């Protein structure tokens, strides 16, 4: 197969950097047209990963030789007419270092489990591998995915490709960082308090939190309605591509929904849509640059013929507290079991989470359930009158890369936040509380420090296609996010 030729100017050979920033959908089309080989793409992505890893550390384990061997097998499939191809055949994908791949280490970002090798493959990963995706690396996460930043005793600090002084977010921070750096074509994340959407915003990529049960998960947290696994990509179309592979019922997850939902790849315009928005969810102090970029995004939706209306959710502090009470009681208890034996080697933030669990009571957990119902008393009727709801993803573009979220004060707009530093800058957790609502996170611009900002597009319960229809319309209107060197981090 020959080298790829750029669309403009004609005749120029596509550089490795340009290959790294192809969307997965573009790469597949070029594979099928025999204008690009999976081997060429994999080599470019691996070269980029090797370049950025020492400084940014988006990866934990890397499987480059194995990935190249699999890319050669994919290349042979494309060269042979009539061969059945998987939906993701030959595409590099980075898998968060918390889900299982049989025979490959899964560390969870913890010294406790640094030598753990699973004997099974998580169902989402089974589906990705069956579809032909090639895992060339595992992506960094904070210890047991329990922080909104990505640093651990085991793997160090993962830094933002747009400005290494700042975090990639967490807990799927390595996935967001790898995508933004051009070190993978696709990535996976998980989201129990915002862990897909936080890094999607901080690194300027697309992330999808599906409604609870849409994608199967691993026990025991497949039974926690706050918990979701979903795609992270550089385009909305790519998120649809991955979501259509991983979703659907599984015999290993009783919570997984029937029937399988296949998302359309083409959508009608959103002219005439009614969009509700809130800038602060009645709870958060929001950075001025985030506000400005969110307003600019809303203007794009207006230009597409949508009516945009500010609404009062009447949530107040419950928007965050309800979610934190739930997480402290369930996820904190999970961490506390390990803290009883391994406290000396655990991170401060995991230990702080475990400490909160020891204070939590059944009454607190019941209160979280009652709080969720109260939140939906206002949100549900609003959504009956609107097609989607929009708000910022993060109240800040990002905190510093080594931010100590339970030990440092959180400052926004020059003043100390009244919210706890743990998730107090993340406007994501309320939609884990309202977990049956699909949420698509997309970029909204950049702050002066170079760090991206983002918005959340929230749909009615189980109305996945609505958020993708809005996201596709928005992405098309702004022209995408990594289309040329001017719109990529300077690495």
Protein backbone atom coordinates (compact mmCIF):
# COMPACT_ATOMS: atom_id res chain seq x y z
CA UNK A 1 0.00 0.00 0.00
CA UNK A 2 1.28 3.48 -0.83
CA UNK A 3 1.63 6.49 1.41
CA UNK A 4 -1.45 8.60 1.99
CA UNK A 5 -1.95 11.74 -0.03
CA UNK A 6 -3.46 14.76 1.61
CA UNK A 7 -6.63 16.26 0.30
CA UNK A 8 -5.06 19.73 0.09
CA UNK A 9 -2.61 20.60 -1.26
CA UNK A 10 -2.76 17.63 -3.62
CA UNK A 11 0.43 15.67 -4.05
CA UNK A 12 1.89 16.21 -0.58
CA UNK A 13 2.58 13.02 1.34
CA UNK A 14 0.81 12.86 4.69
CA UNK A 15 3.26 13.16 7.57
CA UNK A 16 3.33 10.89 10.60
CA UNK A 17 1.88 13.77 12.63
CA UNK A 18 -1.06 14.03 10.25
CA UNK A 19 -1.56 10.27 10.40
CA UNK A 20 -1.67 10.45 14.19
CA UNK A 21 -4.56 12.90 14.08
CA UNK A 22 -6.71 11.12 11.53
CA UNK A 23 -10.05 10.30 13.03
CA UNK A 24 -10.75 6.59 13.29
CA UNK A 25 -13.52 6.97 10.73
CA UNK A 26 -11.12 8.61 8.26
CA UNK A 27 -8.52 5.91 8.84
CA UNK A 28 -11.05 3.13 8.20
CA UNK A 29 -12.11 4.74 4.93
CA UNK A 30 -8.47 4.96 3.83
CA UNK A 31 -7.83 1.34 4.84
CA UNK A 32 -10.79 0.18 2.74
CA UNK A 33 -9.66 2.30 -0.22
CA UNK A 34 -6.15 0.81 0.14
CA UNK A 35 -4.65 4.26 0.47
CA UNK A 36 -3.38 3.61 3.99
CA UNK A 37 -2.14 0.50 5.74
CA UNK A 38 -2.93 -0.33 9.38
CA UNK A 39 0.83 -0.89 9.71
CA UNK A 40 1.59 2.67 8.60
CA UNK A 41 -0.92 4.09 11.04
CA UNK A 42 0.29 1.89 13.90
CA UNK A 43 3.93 2.86 13.29
CA UNK A 44 3.03 6.55 13.35
CA UNK A 45 0.98 6.18 16.53
CA UNK A 46 3.71 4.16 18.26
CA UNK A 47 6.35 6.73 17.30
CA UNK A 48 4.18 9.46 18.80
CA UNK A 49 3.56 7.41 21.95
CA UNK A 50 7.31 6.87 22.38
CA UNK A 51 7.90 10.59 21.93
CA UNK A 52 5.36 11.85 24.46
CA UNK A 53 5.53 9.11 27.11
CA UNK A 54 8.61 10.35 29.00
CA UNK A 55 7.16 13.83 29.56
CA UNK A 56 3.40 13.31 29.62
CA UNK A 57 3.07 9.68 30.83
CA UNK A 58 -0.34 8.83 29.36
CA UNK A 59 0.51 5.10 29.26
CA UNK A 60 1.28 2.41 31.80
CA UNK A 61 1.89 -0.82 29.86
CA UNK A 62 2.76 -0.74 26.15
CA UNK A 63 2.55 -3.60 23.62
CA UNK A 64 4.13 -2.13 20.54
CA UNK A 65 5.66 -5.23 18.92
CA UNK A 66 2.50 -7.23 19.45
CA UNK A 67 0.43 -4.35 18.06
CA UNK A 68 2.58 -4.19 14.92
CA UNK A 69 2.16 -7.93 14.38
CA UNK A 70 -1.62 -7.56 14.65
CA UNK A 71 -1.52 -4.53 12.32
CA UNK A 72 0.23 -6.68 9.68
CA UNK A 73 -2.55 -9.26 9.99
CA UNK A 74 -5.14 -6.50 9.59
CA UNK A 75 -3.27 -5.18 6.54
CA UNK A 76 -3.49 -8.62 4.94
CA UNK A 77 -7.25 -8.68 5.50
CA UNK A 78 -7.68 -5.35 3.71
CA UNK A 79 -5.52 -6.52 0.80
CA UNK A 80 -7.57 -9.66 0.24
CA UNK A 81 -10.90 -9.00 -1.46
CA UNK A 82 -13.95 -10.54 0.15
CA UNK A 83 -12.38 -10.86 3.61
CA UNK A 84 -14.78 -10.15 6.45
CA UNK A 85 -13.64 -7.05 8.32
CA UNK A 86 -14.43 -6.01 11.86
CA UNK A 87 -16.00 -2.62 12.55
CA UNK A 88 -12.70 -1.41 14.04
CA UNK A 89 -10.33 -3.53 11.97
CA UNK A 90 -6.72 -2.38 12.35
CA UNK A 91 -7.37 0.68 14.51
CA UNK A 92 -5.06 1.44 17.47
CA UNK A 93 -7.00 1.63 20.74
CA UNK A 94 -5.75 2.51 24.22
CA UNK A 95 -7.52 0.72 27.09
CA UNK A 96 -7.71 2.20 30.58
CA UNK A 97 -5.54 0.30 33.05
CA UNK A 98 -8.48 -0.96 35.10
CA UNK A 99 -10.47 -3.28 32.82
CA UNK A 100 -9.29 -6.79 32.13
CA UNK A 101 -7.41 -8.25 29.18
CA UNK A 102 -6.59 -11.90 29.80
CA UNK A 103 -2.92 -12.50 30.42
CA UNK A 104 -1.99 -8.81 30.51
CA UNK A 105 -1.22 -6.91 33.73
CA UNK A 106 -3.94 -4.65 35.09
CA UNK A 107 -2.57 -2.41 37.84
CA UNK A 108 -5.51 -0.11 38.67
CA UNK A 109 -2.78 2.50 39.25
CA UNK A 110 -2.01 0.89 42.61
CA UNK A 111 1.03 -0.66 44.26
CA UNK A 112 -1.39 -3.16 45.78
CA UNK A 113 -2.30 -4.65 42.41
CA UNK A 114 0.83 -3.88 40.41
CA UNK A 115 1.40 -7.59 39.72
CA UNK A 116 -2.20 -8.58 39.04
CA UNK A 117 -2.78 -10.47 35.79
CA UNK A 118 -6.43 -11.31 35.03
CA UNK A 119 -7.52 -14.69 33.72
CA UNK A 120 -10.48 -13.24 31.83
CA UNK A 121 -11.15 -10.33 29.47
CA UNK A 122 -13.79 -7.74 30.32
CA UNK A 123 -16.80 -7.98 28.03
CA UNK A 124 -16.24 -4.50 26.57
CA UNK A 125 -12.67 -5.44 25.69
CA UNK A 126 -13.83 -8.75 24.22
CA UNK A 127 -16.09 -6.85 21.86
CA UNK A 128 -13.41 -4.34 20.88
CA UNK A 129 -10.90 -7.08 20.13
CA UNK A 130 -13.46 -9.10 18.18
CA UNK A 131 -14.19 -5.97 16.09
CA UNK A 132 -10.52 -5.82 15.10
CA UNK A 133 -9.26 -3.01 17.34
CA UNK A 134 -5.59 -3.37 18.32
CA UNK A 135 -4.52 -2.58 21.88
CA UNK A 136 -1.09 -0.97 21.75
CA UNK A 137 -1.15 0.36 25.31
CA UNK A 138 -2.94 0.72 28.62
CA UNK A 139 -3.67 4.21 29.86
CA UNK A 140 -2.89 5.76 33.22
CA UNK A 141 -5.44 6.19 35.97
CA UNK A 142 -5.22 7.39 39.57
CA UNK A 143 -5.21 4.63 42.17
CA UNK A 144 -8.41 2.61 41.73
CA UNK A 145 -9.82 5.42 39.57
CA UNK A 146 -10.81 7.40 42.65
CA UNK A 147 -9.55 10.92 41.80
CA UNK A 148 -10.31 13.70 39.35
CA UNK A 149 -6.59 14.03 38.55
CA UNK A 150 -4.22 11.35 37.26
CA UNK A 151 -1.18 10.72 39.42
CA UNK A 152 -0.20 7.71 41.49
CA UNK A 153 2.67 6.23 43.47
CA UNK A 154 3.03 3.55 40.84
CA UNK A 155 3.04 5.56 37.61
CA UNK A 156 3.80 9.16 38.59
CA UNK A 157 2.07 12.25 37.18
CA UNK A 158 0.23 12.25 33.85
CA UNK A 159 0.37 15.69 32.24
CA UNK A 160 -1.77 17.59 29.76
CA UNK A 161 -0.48 17.71 26.16
CA UNK A 162 -1.86 21.24 25.78
CA UNK A 163 0.04 22.54 28.84
CA UNK A 164 2.05 20.05 30.91
CA UNK A 165 1.67 22.14 34.05
CA UNK A 166 -1.98 21.09 34.17
CA UNK A 167 -3.79 17.82 34.71
CA UNK A 168 -5.40 15.66 32.07
CA UNK A 169 -8.22 15.15 34.57
CA UNK A 170 -9.23 11.80 35.97
CA UNK A 171 -9.80 9.11 36.29
CA UNK A 172 -9.53 8.22 32.57
CA UNK A 173 -6.78 10.82 32.27
CA UNK A 174 -4.30 8.72 30.34
CA UNK A 175 -6.93 8.01 27.69
CA UNK A 176 -7.67 11.69 27.19
CA UNK A 177 -3.99 12.57 27.16
CA UNK A 178 -3.12 9.86 24.63
CA UNK A 179 -5.87 11.01 22.26
CA UNK A 180 -4.93 14.69 22.50
CA UNK A 181 -1.27 13.84 21.90
CA UNK A 182 -2.06 11.76 18.82
CA UNK A 183 -0.74 8.62 20.54
CA UNK A 184 -3.85 6.57 19.81
CA UNK A 185 -6.79 6.61 17.41
CA UNK A 186 -9.36 5.47 19.96
CA UNK A 187 -9.50 5.07 23.72
CA UNK A 188 -11.74 3.76 26.47
CA UNK A 189 -12.74 5.25 29.79
CA UNK A 190 -15.00 4.61 32.74
CA UNK A 191 -17.14 7.11 34.61
CA UNK A 192 -18.45 6.85 38.19
CA UNK A 193 -18.31 10.55 39.06
CA UNK A 194 -17.23 12.10 35.78
CA UNK A 195 -14.16 10.04 34.92
CA UNK A 196 -14.80 10.05 31.17
CA UNK A 197 -16.10 13.60 30.88
CA UNK A 198 -13.54 15.29 33.17
CA UNK A 199 -10.53 14.27 31.04
CA UNK A 200 -12.51 14.76 27.83
CA UNK A 201 -12.93 18.41 28.75
CA UNK A 202 -9.42 18.94 30.13
CA UNK A 203 -7.76 17.44 27.05
CA UNK A 204 -10.19 18.64 24.36
CA UNK A 205 -11.63 15.32 23.20
CA UNK A 206 -15.06 13.69 22.98
CA UNK A 207 -16.31 11.43 25.76
CA UNK A 208 -19.56 9.54 26.16
CA UNK A 209 -21.23 8.51 29.41
CA UNK A 210 -24.04 6.21 28.32
CA UNK A 211 -27.21 5.73 30.35
CA UNK A 212 -26.90 3.11 33.06
CA UNK A 213 -27.00 -0.42 31.69
CA UNK A 214 -26.42 0.53 28.05
CA UNK A 215 -22.88 -0.87 28.10
CA UNK A 216 -22.10 -3.99 30.14
CA UNK A 217 -19.62 -3.70 32.99
CA UNK A 218 -17.66 -5.85 35.41
CA UNK A 219 -18.89 -6.81 38.88
CA UNK A 220 -19.47 -5.54 41.45
CA UNK A 221 -19.81 -1.99 40.08
CA UNK A 222 -21.95 -3.08 37.14
CA UNK A 223 -24.67 -3.04 39.83
CA UNK A 224 -23.91 0.56 40.85
CA UNK A 225 -26.07 2.89 38.72
CA UNK A 226 -23.37 5.58 38.95
CA UNK A 227 -20.91 3.39 37.03
CA UNK A 228 -20.53 3.55 33.23
CA UNK A 229 -17.95 2.48 30.65
CA UNK A 230 -17.75 4.40 27.39
CA UNK A 231 -15.65 5.63 24.47
CA UNK A 232 -13.24 8.54 24.30
CA UNK A 233 -12.36 9.80 20.82
CA UNK A 234 -11.36 12.85 18.78
CA UNK A 235 -14.69 13.08 16.95
CA UNK A 236 -18.37 12.44 17.61
CA UNK A 237 -18.54 9.99 14.69
CA UNK A 238 -15.74 7.96 16.26
CA UNK A 239 -17.60 7.83 19.58
CA UNK A 240 -20.61 6.41 17.72
CA UNK A 241 -18.35 3.90 15.99
CA UNK A 242 -17.04 2.52 19.30
CA UNK A 243 -20.35 2.78 21.13
CA UNK A 244 -22.05 0.62 18.51
CA UNK A 245 -19.42 -2.07 19.11
CA UNK A 246 -19.47 -2.20 22.91
CA UNK A 247 -23.14 -1.68 23.77
CA UNK A 248 -25.75 -4.38 24.17
CA UNK A 249 -26.79 -7.05 26.66
CA UNK A 250 -24.30 -9.47 28.14
CA UNK A 251 -24.95 -12.74 29.99
CA UNK A 252 -22.32 -11.65 32.52
CA UNK A 253 -24.12 -8.41 33.48
CA UNK A 254 -27.71 -8.59 34.70
CA UNK A 255 -28.00 -4.80 34.48
CA UNK A 256 -27.16 -4.65 30.77
CA UNK A 257 -30.09 -3.51 28.66
CA UNK A 258 -32.02 -5.38 26.00
CA UNK A 259 -32.23 -4.96 23.08
CA UNK A 260 -28.91 -3.70 21.75
CA UNK A 261 -29.21 -0.08 20.61
CA UNK A 262 -27.50 0.74 17.33
CA UNK A 263 -26.90 4.46 16.93
CA UNK A 264 -27.35 6.07 13.52
CA UNK A 265 -24.27 7.47 11.83
CA UNK A 266 -26.21 10.18 9.96
CA UNK A 267 -28.52 12.68 11.66
CA UNK A 268 -31.00 15.32 10.65
CA UNK A 269 -30.33 18.99 11.52
CA UNK A 270 -31.45 20.34 14.91
CA UNK A 271 -33.34 23.33 13.54
CA UNK A 272 -36.36 23.94 15.76
CA UNK A 273 -34.88 22.10 18.75
CA UNK A 274 -35.34 23.48 22.24
CA UNK A 275 -32.19 23.49 24.34
CA UNK A 276 -32.12 24.22 28.08
CA UNK A 277 -28.93 25.30 29.80
CA UNK A 278 -27.49 26.21 33.17
CA UNK A 279 -24.10 27.82 33.59
CA UNK A 280 -23.56 26.75 37.20
CA UNK A 281 -26.10 23.99 38.05
CA UNK A 282 -27.11 26.39 40.89
CA UNK A 283 -24.11 25.15 42.86
CA UNK A 284 -20.74 25.76 41.21
CA UNK A 285 -18.53 28.81 40.95
CA UNK A 286 -17.50 28.75 37.28
CA UNK A 287 -14.33 30.21 35.80
CA UNK A 288 -14.90 33.23 33.57
CA UNK A 289 -13.16 31.67 30.57
CA UNK A 290 -15.29 28.54 30.90
CA UNK A 291 -18.40 30.73 30.98
CA UNK A 292 -17.29 32.66 27.89
CA UNK A 293 -16.56 29.48 25.92
CA UNK A 294 -19.86 27.91 26.99
CA UNK A 295 -21.74 31.00 25.84
CA UNK A 296 -19.92 30.83 22.51
CA UNK A 297 -20.95 27.18 22.14
CA UNK A 298 -24.58 28.08 22.87
CA UNK A 299 -24.39 30.70 20.13
CA UNK A 300 -23.38 27.94 17.71
CA UNK A 301 -26.52 26.01 18.64
CA UNK A 302 -28.58 29.15 18.09
CA UNK A 303 -27.01 29.55 14.65
CA UNK A 304 -28.20 26.04 13.84
CA UNK A 305 -31.79 27.09 14.44
CA UNK A 306 -32.21 25.88 18.02
CA UNK A 307 -33.90 27.88 20.76
CA UNK A 308 -31.64 28.19 23.79
CA UNK A 309 -33.18 28.94 27.19
CA UNK A 310 -31.59 29.29 30.63
CA UNK A 311 -33.37 27.26 33.31
CA UNK A 312 -33.29 27.16 37.11
CA UNK A 313 -32.68 23.63 38.37
CA UNK A 314 -33.13 24.65 42.02
CA UNK A 315 -30.53 22.05 43.06
CA UNK A 316 -28.14 24.03 45.22
CA UNK A 317 -25.40 22.14 47.09
CA UNK A 318 -27.37 18.90 46.74
CA UNK A 319 -26.14 18.73 43.14
CA UNK A 320 -22.74 17.69 44.45
CA UNK A 321 -23.44 16.39 47.96
CA UNK A 322 -25.94 13.77 46.82
CA UNK A 323 -23.38 12.22 44.52
CA UNK A 324 -20.56 12.38 47.05
CA UNK A 325 -22.69 10.69 49.73
CA UNK A 326 -23.45 7.85 47.33
CA UNK A 327 -19.81 7.45 46.29
CA UNK A 328 -18.51 7.62 49.85
CA UNK A 329 -20.86 4.87 50.97
CA UNK A 330 -20.29 2.39 48.12
CA UNK A 331 -17.00 3.14 46.39
CA UNK A 332 -15.41 4.36 49.60
CA UNK A 333 -16.25 1.07 51.29
CA UNK A 334 -14.57 -0.79 48.43
CA UNK A 335 -11.40 1.24 49.07
CA UNK A 336 -11.67 0.85 52.83
CA UNK A 337 -11.45 -2.94 52.51
CA UNK A 338 -8.00 -2.47 50.97
CA UNK A 339 -6.98 0.28 53.37
CA UNK A 340 -7.32 -2.13 56.29
CA UNK A 341 -4.42 -4.18 54.92
CA UNK A 342 -2.45 -1.88 52.63
CA UNK A 343 -2.72 1.65 54.02
CA UNK A 344 1.06 2.19 54.02
CA UNK A 345 1.36 1.90 50.25
CA UNK A 346 -1.89 3.60 49.22
CA UNK A 347 -2.19 7.15 47.92
CA UNK A 348 -3.45 9.91 50.22
CA UNK A 349 -6.57 10.40 48.09
CA UNK A 350 -7.57 6.73 48.20
CA UNK A 351 -7.07 6.71 51.97
CA UNK A 352 -9.14 9.89 52.34
CA UNK A 353 -11.92 8.26 50.32
CA UNK A 354 -11.75 5.20 52.58
CA UNK A 355 -11.90 7.44 55.65
CA UNK A 356 -15.12 9.02 54.38
CA UNK A 357 -16.60 5.56 53.99
CA UNK A 358 -15.99 4.82 57.66
CA UNK A 359 -18.14 7.81 58.54
CA UNK A 360 -20.94 6.93 56.12
CA UNK A 361 -24.13 5.30 57.36
CA UNK A 362 -27.10 3.56 55.78
CA UNK A 363 -29.04 6.74 56.53
CA UNK A 364 -26.54 8.72 54.45
CA UNK A 365 -26.98 6.31 51.56
CA UNK A 366 -30.76 6.52 51.83
CA UNK A 367 -30.40 10.31 51.86
CA UNK A 368 -28.44 10.11 48.62
CA UNK A 369 -31.27 8.15 47.02
CA UNK A 370 -33.81 10.67 48.26
CA UNK A 371 -31.58 13.48 46.99
CA UNK A 372 -31.43 11.92 43.53
CA UNK A 373 -35.21 11.74 43.41
CA UNK A 374 -35.44 15.38 44.48
CA UNK A 375 -33.03 16.48 41.74
CA UNK A 376 -35.07 14.73 39.08
CA UNK A 377 -38.26 16.40 40.32
CA UNK A 378 -37.02 19.57 38.63
CA UNK A 379 -34.81 18.11 35.90
CA UNK A 380 -37.37 15.63 34.57
CA UNK A 381 -40.09 18.21 33.83
CA UNK A 382 -37.50 20.53 32.25
CA UNK A 383 -36.41 17.76 29.91
CA UNK A 384 -40.02 17.09 28.90
CA UNK A 385 -40.02 20.61 27.46
CA UNK A 386 -36.56 20.50 25.86
CA UNK A 387 -34.65 18.22 23.53
CA UNK A 388 -31.30 18.39 25.37
CA UNK A 389 -29.69 20.22 28.29
CA UNK A 390 -26.25 21.87 28.15
CA UNK A 391 -23.83 22.98 30.87
CA UNK A 392 -20.05 23.27 31.26
CA UNK A 393 -18.22 20.03 31.94
CA UNK A 394 -15.72 21.57 34.35
CA UNK A 395 -15.89 24.71 36.45
CA UNK A 396 -12.19 25.26 35.71
CA UNK A 397 -10.27 24.41 32.54
CA UNK A 398 -8.10 22.20 34.78
CA UNK A 399 -6.23 22.17 38.07
CA UNK A 400 -2.45 21.67 38.24
CA UNK A 401 -1.12 18.26 37.22
CA UNK A 402 0.03 17.41 40.74
CA UNK A 403 -2.97 18.96 42.51
CA UNK A 404 -3.61 17.38 45.92
CA UNK A 405 -7.37 17.36 45.72
CA UNK A 406 -8.15 16.59 49.36
CA UNK A 407 -5.31 18.69 50.78
CA UNK A 408 -5.18 21.88 48.74
CA UNK A 409 -7.77 24.59 48.53
CA UNK A 410 -9.70 24.99 45.31
CA UNK A 411 -9.67 28.51 43.90
CA UNK A 412 -11.91 29.69 41.07
CA UNK A 413 -12.11 33.30 39.83
CA UNK A 414 -9.54 34.27 42.43
CA UNK A 415 -11.50 33.10 45.45
CA UNK A 416 -11.67 29.92 47.45
CA UNK A 417 -14.48 27.63 46.38
CA UNK A 418 -17.17 26.82 48.92
CA UNK A 419 -17.28 23.29 47.54
CA UNK A 420 -14.86 20.52 48.53
CA UNK A 421 -11.82 20.26 46.28
CA UNK A 422 -12.74 16.64 45.51
CA UNK A 423 -14.98 16.99 42.42
CA UNK A 424 -15.77 20.58 43.45
CA UNK A 425 -14.40 21.76 40.09
CA UNK A 426 -16.17 19.00 38.15
CA UNK A 427 -19.76 19.56 37.05
CA UNK A 428 -20.14 15.92 36.09
CA UNK A 429 -21.27 14.01 39.18
CA UNK A 430 -24.90 15.26 39.07
CA UNK A 431 -25.32 13.24 35.88
CA UNK A 432 -24.01 10.10 37.54
CA UNK A 433 -26.71 10.75 40.10
CA UNK A 434 -29.19 11.08 37.21
CA UNK A 435 -27.52 8.07 35.66
CA UNK A 436 -30.19 7.10 33.16
CA UNK A 437 -29.52 10.32 31.22
CA UNK A 438 -26.95 9.96 28.42
CA UNK A 439 -24.22 12.62 28.39
CA UNK A 440 -21.90 13.53 25.52
CA UNK A 441 -18.92 15.71 26.43
CA UNK A 442 -17.46 17.82 23.61
CA UNK A 443 -14.87 20.64 23.49
CA UNK A 444 -15.95 24.28 23.67
CA UNK A 445 -12.64 26.09 23.18
CA UNK A 446 -9.44 26.86 25.08
CA UNK A 447 -8.45 29.01 28.01
CA UNK A 448 -5.56 31.48 27.86
CA UNK A 449 -3.28 28.88 29.43
CA UNK A 450 -3.92 26.63 26.43
CA UNK A 451 -5.98 24.08 28.34
CA UNK A 452 -9.24 23.09 26.59
CA UNK A 453 -12.72 23.64 28.01
CA UNK A 454 -15.85 21.64 27.32
CA UNK A 455 -19.60 21.30 27.53
CA UNK A 456 -21.90 18.43 28.45
CA UNK A 457 -24.88 17.63 26.23
CA UNK A 458 -27.40 15.81 28.41
CA UNK A 459 -30.34 13.89 26.99
CA UNK A 460 -33.64 12.61 28.26
CA UNK A 461 -33.44 9.20 29.92
CA UNK A 462 -32.18 6.53 27.52
CA UNK A 463 -32.36 8.95 24.57
CA UNK A 464 -28.81 8.28 23.38
CA UNK A 465 -29.37 9.35 19.78
CA UNK A 466 -30.49 12.84 20.83
CA UNK A 467 -27.14 13.79 22.35
CA UNK A 468 -25.28 12.44 19.34
CA UNK A 469 -27.55 14.34 16.97
CA UNK A 470 -26.81 17.56 18.85
CA UNK A 471 -23.11 16.72 19.10
CA UNK A 472 -22.79 15.96 15.39
CA UNK A 473 -24.52 19.21 14.46
CA UNK A 474 -22.25 21.19 16.78
CA UNK A 475 -19.06 19.46 15.65
CA UNK A 476 -19.93 20.03 11.99
CA UNK A 477 -20.66 23.71 12.63
CA UNK A 478 -17.30 24.35 14.35
CA UNK A 479 -15.34 22.21 11.89
CA UNK A 480 -14.03 19.60 14.32
CA UNK A 481 -11.20 19.95 16.80
CA UNK A 482 -7.91 18.47 15.50
CA UNK A 483 -8.24 19.28 11.81
CA UNK A 484 -4.82 20.92 11.32
CA UNK A 485 -1.63 21.87 13.15
CA UNK A 486 -3.20 25.08 14.45
CA UNK A 487 -5.73 23.00 16.38
CA UNK A 488 -3.34 20.49 17.93
CA UNK A 489 -1.05 20.69 20.96
CA UNK A 490 2.52 21.76 20.30
CA UNK A 491 4.50 18.68 21.29
